[in-house]
């Protein structure tokens, strides 16, 4: 073990963000702008670099082992930072073994199947890390807030999603679910920043303002999602995300911790390698 790894003392405890099964959730009481015990952004970025090195090394072992997989789910309100989180946490990871899927409005073909059909197609194969930018939870969030299906339909989906995730977990897929929690004030600043920057205006969707007008209704549905679908096999983590650098280090710590617990191993080497001489 090198001295740098031996002397590293983590500041982030992943369990501080975990929603225990059966716990009550009040997002209004969860501080979105905290910075933990870091004295500065620079300190946080140093710790992020450590976790990224661990993720890169463990992902290589996961890919080589080819027995397990990891599913990382990112949910957030508009401007919550899902894209930025993916860039900063998984940058440098071998793209051969990492698949990112963004779930948008279902296509006609997808609507012809049950709502989990399109999700299951993108779950990770053995050795892979799959990252979901939005996920099956859209079908108990947007669908519910906008009254796209009756309550009798979406109410059943919490159980169905839990059953789906349990099946994945039982067949070798570890699941980490991350809710990026930003404040209403921070969302306003980020939306305004998109309007003010000509190079970011393409990101601005006037429909985001309609969803912002339903802020409290969305917060209520997020609460139900967190309370009803944080399970021992697929826990939710609520990440304070107003400070982007803190969001990144917290997510990286949780992902690195999940991979450590999976403990992937390189396959046993082929016998006789020590005797091989590479010809000139």
Protein backbone atom coordinates (compact mmCIF):
# COMPACT_ATOMS: atom_id res chain seq x y z
CA UNK A 1 0.00 0.00 0.00
CA UNK A 2 1.45 3.38 -0.91
CA UNK A 3 1.86 6.03 1.77
CA UNK A 4 -0.69 8.35 0.19
CA UNK A 5 -3.43 5.71 0.41
CA UNK A 6 -2.34 4.70 3.91
CA UNK A 7 -2.62 8.25 5.26
CA UNK A 8 -5.92 9.16 3.59
CA UNK A 9 -8.59 9.97 6.15
CA UNK A 10 -12.05 10.34 4.54
CA UNK A 11 -14.28 13.25 5.51
CA UNK A 12 -17.41 11.83 3.90
CA UNK A 13 -19.41 9.04 5.54
CA UNK A 14 -21.81 7.58 2.93
CA UNK A 15 -24.20 6.45 5.64
CA UNK A 16 -24.88 10.08 6.57
CA UNK A 17 -26.88 10.44 3.34
CA UNK A 18 -28.65 7.09 3.37
CA UNK A 19 -32.41 6.86 3.89
CA UNK A 20 -33.08 3.90 6.15
CA UNK A 21 -35.95 1.64 5.10
CA UNK A 22 -39.15 2.82 6.75
CA UNK A 23 -37.73 6.21 7.73
CA UNK A 24 -39.76 9.40 7.41
CA UNK A 25 -38.38 12.04 5.05
CA UNK A 26 -38.83 15.81 5.26
CA UNK A 27 -36.88 17.44 2.43
CA UNK A 28 -37.71 20.90 3.76
CA UNK A 29 -35.63 20.09 6.85
CA UNK A 30 -32.65 18.74 4.85
CA UNK A 31 -30.06 21.44 4.24
CA UNK A 32 -29.25 21.53 0.52
CA UNK A 33 -26.36 24.00 0.77
CA UNK A 34 -24.18 22.32 3.35
CA UNK A 35 -20.48 21.65 2.85
CA UNK A 36 -19.94 19.08 5.56
CA UNK A 37 -16.73 19.48 7.54
CA UNK A 38 -14.67 20.72 4.60
CA UNK A 39 -12.88 23.98 5.20
CA UNK A 40 -12.87 24.89 1.51
CA UNK A 41 -13.85 23.78 -1.97
CA UNK A 42 -10.20 22.90 -2.60
CA UNK A 43 -10.23 20.40 0.27
CA UNK A 44 -13.33 18.78 -1.18
CA UNK A 45 -11.77 18.53 -4.63
CA UNK A 46 -8.72 16.78 -3.17
CA UNK A 47 -10.99 14.20 -1.57
CA UNK A 48 -12.93 13.85 -4.82
CA UNK A 49 -9.68 13.02 -6.61
CA UNK A 50 -9.07 10.21 -4.12
CA UNK A 51 -12.50 8.69 -4.65
CA UNK A 52 -12.18 8.95 -8.42
CA UNK A 53 -8.92 7.00 -8.31
CA UNK A 54 -10.65 4.31 -6.28
CA UNK A 55 -13.63 4.19 -8.66
CA UNK A 56 -11.32 3.85 -11.67
CA UNK A 57 -9.33 1.03 -10.05
CA UNK A 58 -12.38 -0.84 -8.80
CA UNK A 59 -14.20 -0.48 -12.12
CA UNK A 60 -11.27 -2.15 -13.85
CA UNK A 61 -11.50 -5.08 -11.43
CA UNK A 62 -15.29 -5.23 -11.85
CA UNK A 63 -14.91 -5.39 -15.64
CA UNK A 64 -12.20 -8.06 -15.45
CA UNK A 65 -14.07 -10.18 -12.89
CA UNK A 66 -17.24 -10.22 -15.04
CA UNK A 67 -19.50 -11.58 -12.29
CA UNK A 68 -21.25 -8.54 -10.78
CA UNK A 69 -22.63 -5.21 -11.97
CA UNK A 70 -23.48 -1.82 -10.51
CA UNK A 71 -26.52 0.34 -11.26
CA UNK A 72 -26.33 4.01 -10.28
CA UNK A 73 -29.63 5.92 -10.46
CA UNK A 74 -29.70 9.73 -10.48
CA UNK A 75 -32.92 11.63 -9.85
CA UNK A 76 -33.32 15.36 -9.30
CA UNK A 77 -35.57 18.26 -10.01
CA UNK A 78 -34.85 20.38 -13.10
CA UNK A 79 -31.30 21.88 -12.95
CA UNK A 80 -30.47 19.43 -10.16
CA UNK A 81 -27.08 18.58 -11.68
CA UNK A 82 -27.35 15.03 -12.98
CA UNK A 83 -25.20 15.66 -16.07
CA UNK A 84 -22.53 17.50 -14.11
CA UNK A 85 -22.41 14.76 -11.50
CA UNK A 86 -21.79 12.12 -14.17
CA UNK A 87 -18.99 14.18 -15.75
CA UNK A 88 -17.17 14.94 -12.52
CA UNK A 89 -17.54 11.60 -10.75
CA UNK A 90 -17.05 9.18 -13.63
CA UNK A 91 -14.56 11.14 -15.72
CA UNK A 92 -11.55 8.95 -16.49
CA UNK A 93 -13.39 5.66 -15.96
CA UNK A 94 -12.91 3.19 -18.82
CA UNK A 95 -15.90 3.91 -21.12
CA UNK A 96 -15.88 0.29 -22.27
CA UNK A 97 -17.45 -0.75 -18.98
CA UNK A 98 -19.67 2.26 -18.21
CA UNK A 99 -23.02 2.85 -19.92
CA UNK A 100 -24.99 6.09 -19.41
CA UNK A 101 -28.70 6.13 -20.31
CA UNK A 102 -30.90 9.23 -20.20
CA UNK A 103 -34.60 8.44 -19.97
CA UNK A 104 -36.75 11.03 -21.65
CA UNK A 105 -40.42 11.04 -22.69
CA UNK A 106 -41.32 7.48 -23.72
CA UNK A 107 -41.46 6.72 -27.44
CA UNK A 108 -44.56 5.19 -29.07
CA UNK A 109 -42.84 1.80 -29.05
CA UNK A 110 -42.04 2.11 -25.35
CA UNK A 111 -45.62 3.10 -24.56
CA UNK A 112 -46.77 -0.10 -26.25
CA UNK A 113 -45.03 -2.07 -23.48
CA UNK A 114 -45.20 -1.98 -19.70
CA UNK A 115 -43.34 1.00 -18.23
CA UNK A 116 -40.42 -1.12 -16.97
CA UNK A 117 -39.72 -2.62 -20.40
CA UNK A 118 -37.51 0.24 -21.54
CA UNK A 119 -35.72 0.30 -18.20
CA UNK A 120 -34.81 -3.37 -18.13
CA UNK A 121 -33.14 -3.14 -21.53
CA UNK A 122 -30.53 -0.76 -20.10
CA UNK A 123 -29.68 -2.48 -16.81
CA UNK A 124 -25.99 -3.38 -16.59
CA UNK A 125 -24.52 -6.60 -17.91
CA UNK A 126 -21.95 -8.48 -15.83
CA UNK A 127 -18.88 -6.35 -15.31
CA UNK A 128 -20.61 -3.09 -16.21
CA UNK A 129 -21.55 0.08 -14.39
CA UNK A 130 -24.83 1.49 -15.71
CA UNK A 131 -25.76 5.08 -14.89
CA UNK A 132 -29.39 6.14 -15.23
CA UNK A 133 -30.03 9.85 -15.79
CA UNK A 134 -33.66 9.71 -14.64
CA UNK A 135 -35.13 6.25 -14.39
CA UNK A 136 -38.17 4.12 -13.64
CA UNK A 137 -39.01 6.66 -10.94
CA UNK A 138 -40.31 9.07 -13.57
CA UNK A 139 -43.38 6.81 -13.55
CA UNK A 140 -44.17 7.76 -9.95
CA UNK A 141 -42.97 11.36 -10.29
CA UNK A 142 -43.79 13.23 -13.52
CA UNK A 143 -46.60 10.81 -14.35
CA UNK A 144 -48.15 11.41 -10.94
CA UNK A 145 -47.62 15.17 -10.73
CA UNK A 146 -49.07 15.76 -14.18
CA UNK A 147 -51.95 13.29 -13.72
CA UNK A 148 -50.93 11.24 -16.75
CA UNK A 149 -52.31 8.03 -15.27
CA UNK A 150 -54.89 7.37 -12.53
CA UNK A 151 -53.85 6.92 -8.91
CA UNK A 152 -54.94 3.27 -9.10
CA UNK A 153 -52.15 2.79 -11.68
CA UNK A 154 -49.24 4.76 -10.19
CA UNK A 155 -49.97 3.61 -6.63
CA UNK A 156 -49.05 0.03 -7.57
CA UNK A 157 -45.79 1.09 -9.12
CA UNK A 158 -43.91 1.61 -5.85
CA UNK A 159 -44.27 -2.09 -5.08
CA UNK A 160 -43.55 -3.07 -8.67
CA UNK A 161 -40.36 -1.01 -8.72
CA UNK A 162 -39.22 -2.48 -5.43
CA UNK A 163 -39.85 -5.99 -6.77
CA UNK A 164 -37.96 -5.15 -9.97
CA UNK A 165 -34.96 -3.84 -8.05
CA UNK A 166 -34.96 -6.79 -5.67
CA UNK A 167 -34.79 -9.13 -8.64
CA UNK A 168 -31.79 -7.22 -10.01
CA UNK A 169 -30.06 -7.31 -6.63
CA UNK A 170 -30.65 -11.04 -6.22
CA UNK A 171 -29.06 -11.71 -9.60
CA UNK A 172 -25.83 -9.81 -9.00
CA UNK A 173 -26.54 -6.12 -9.57
CA UNK A 174 -25.73 -3.73 -6.73
CA UNK A 175 -27.97 -0.64 -6.79
CA UNK A 176 -27.17 2.88 -5.59
CA UNK A 177 -29.92 5.49 -5.89
CA UNK A 178 -28.99 9.16 -5.55
CA UNK A 179 -31.45 12.02 -5.15
CA UNK A 180 -29.71 15.34 -5.81
CA UNK A 181 -31.44 17.75 -3.44
CA UNK A 182 -31.34 21.43 -4.37
CA UNK A 183 -33.22 24.33 -2.86
CA UNK A 184 -35.88 26.36 -4.65
CA UNK A 185 -33.57 29.40 -4.44
CA UNK A 186 -30.70 27.52 -6.06
CA UNK A 187 -32.94 26.32 -8.88
CA UNK A 188 -33.93 29.91 -9.62
CA UNK A 189 -30.25 30.93 -9.83
CA UNK A 190 -29.44 28.06 -12.19
CA UNK A 191 -32.39 28.78 -14.47
CA UNK A 192 -31.41 32.46 -14.58
CA UNK A 193 -27.81 31.51 -15.38
CA UNK A 194 -29.03 29.57 -18.41
CA UNK A 195 -30.94 32.60 -19.65
CA UNK A 196 -28.00 34.94 -19.08
CA UNK A 197 -25.39 32.82 -20.88
CA UNK A 198 -25.85 32.60 -24.70
CA UNK A 199 -23.93 29.31 -24.72
CA UNK A 200 -26.30 27.78 -22.18
CA UNK A 201 -29.61 29.06 -23.50
CA UNK A 202 -30.08 25.83 -25.44
CA UNK A 203 -30.52 24.12 -22.07
CA UNK A 204 -33.43 26.36 -21.08
CA UNK A 205 -36.84 24.80 -21.52
CA UNK A 206 -39.83 27.07 -20.82
CA UNK A 207 -41.61 23.95 -19.58
CA UNK A 208 -39.23 23.99 -16.61
CA UNK A 209 -41.11 27.04 -15.33
CA UNK A 210 -44.38 25.13 -15.37
CA UNK A 211 -42.78 22.38 -13.30
CA UNK A 212 -41.24 25.00 -10.98
CA UNK A 213 -44.74 26.33 -10.32
CA UNK A 214 -45.55 22.87 -8.96
CA UNK A 215 -42.50 22.78 -6.68
CA UNK A 216 -44.38 21.68 -3.56
CA UNK A 217 -46.23 18.95 -5.41
CA UNK A 218 -42.95 17.59 -6.76
CA UNK A 219 -41.38 17.73 -3.29
CA UNK A 220 -44.30 15.67 -1.98
CA UNK A 221 -43.82 13.01 -4.66
CA UNK A 222 -40.05 12.93 -4.06
CA UNK A 223 -40.76 12.31 -0.38
CA UNK A 224 -43.03 9.37 -1.19
CA UNK A 225 -40.42 7.96 -3.57
CA UNK A 226 -37.72 8.13 -0.90
CA UNK A 227 -39.89 6.74 1.89
CA UNK A 228 -41.51 3.93 -0.07
CA UNK A 229 -38.60 2.79 -2.21
CA UNK A 230 -35.53 2.95 0.03
CA UNK A 231 -34.89 -0.72 0.70
CA UNK A 232 -32.04 -2.80 2.16
CA UNK A 233 -31.13 -4.01 -1.34
CA UNK A 234 -31.54 -0.64 -3.09
CA UNK A 235 -31.23 2.30 -0.67
CA UNK A 236 -31.82 5.94 -1.52
CA UNK A 237 -29.23 8.58 -0.66
CA UNK A 238 -30.20 12.26 -0.43
CA UNK A 239 -27.29 14.42 -1.58
CA UNK A 240 -27.10 18.12 -0.62
CA UNK A 241 -26.52 19.53 -4.10
CA UNK A 242 -26.62 23.34 -3.96
CA UNK A 243 -22.81 23.33 -3.81
CA UNK A 244 -21.78 21.40 -6.89
CA UNK A 245 -18.33 20.48 -5.60
CA UNK A 246 -19.79 19.02 -2.40
CA UNK A 247 -22.39 17.10 -4.40
CA UNK A 248 -19.60 15.58 -6.48
CA UNK A 249 -17.47 14.44 -3.56
CA UNK A 250 -20.49 12.99 -1.71
CA UNK A 251 -21.63 11.01 -4.75
CA UNK A 252 -18.10 9.79 -5.45
CA UNK A 253 -17.72 8.62 -1.85
CA UNK A 254 -20.98 6.65 -2.05
CA UNK A 255 -20.11 5.03 -5.38
CA UNK A 256 -16.60 4.14 -4.22
CA UNK A 257 -18.05 2.66 -1.01
CA UNK A 258 -20.51 0.54 -3.02
CA UNK A 259 -17.72 -0.81 -5.20
CA UNK A 260 -15.54 -1.53 -2.16
CA UNK A 261 -18.36 -3.56 -0.62
CA UNK A 262 -18.79 -5.49 -3.88
CA UNK A 263 -15.05 -6.27 -3.66
CA UNK A 264 -14.51 -7.33 -7.29
CA UNK A 265 -11.39 -9.41 -7.92
CA UNK A 266 -9.15 -9.94 -10.92
CA UNK A 267 -9.53 -13.44 -12.37
CA UNK A 268 -6.88 -15.98 -11.55
CA UNK A 269 -4.04 -15.78 -14.02
CA UNK A 270 -3.42 -18.48 -16.59
CA UNK A 271 -0.85 -21.01 -15.27
CA UNK A 272 2.67 -20.81 -16.68
CA UNK A 273 2.81 -17.10 -17.43
CA UNK A 274 6.15 -16.73 -15.62
CA UNK A 275 7.76 -19.06 -18.15
CA UNK A 276 6.58 -17.20 -21.22
CA UNK A 277 9.19 -15.31 -23.22
CA UNK A 278 7.94 -12.79 -25.75
CA UNK A 279 9.82 -13.43 -28.99
CA UNK A 280 11.77 -10.63 -30.68
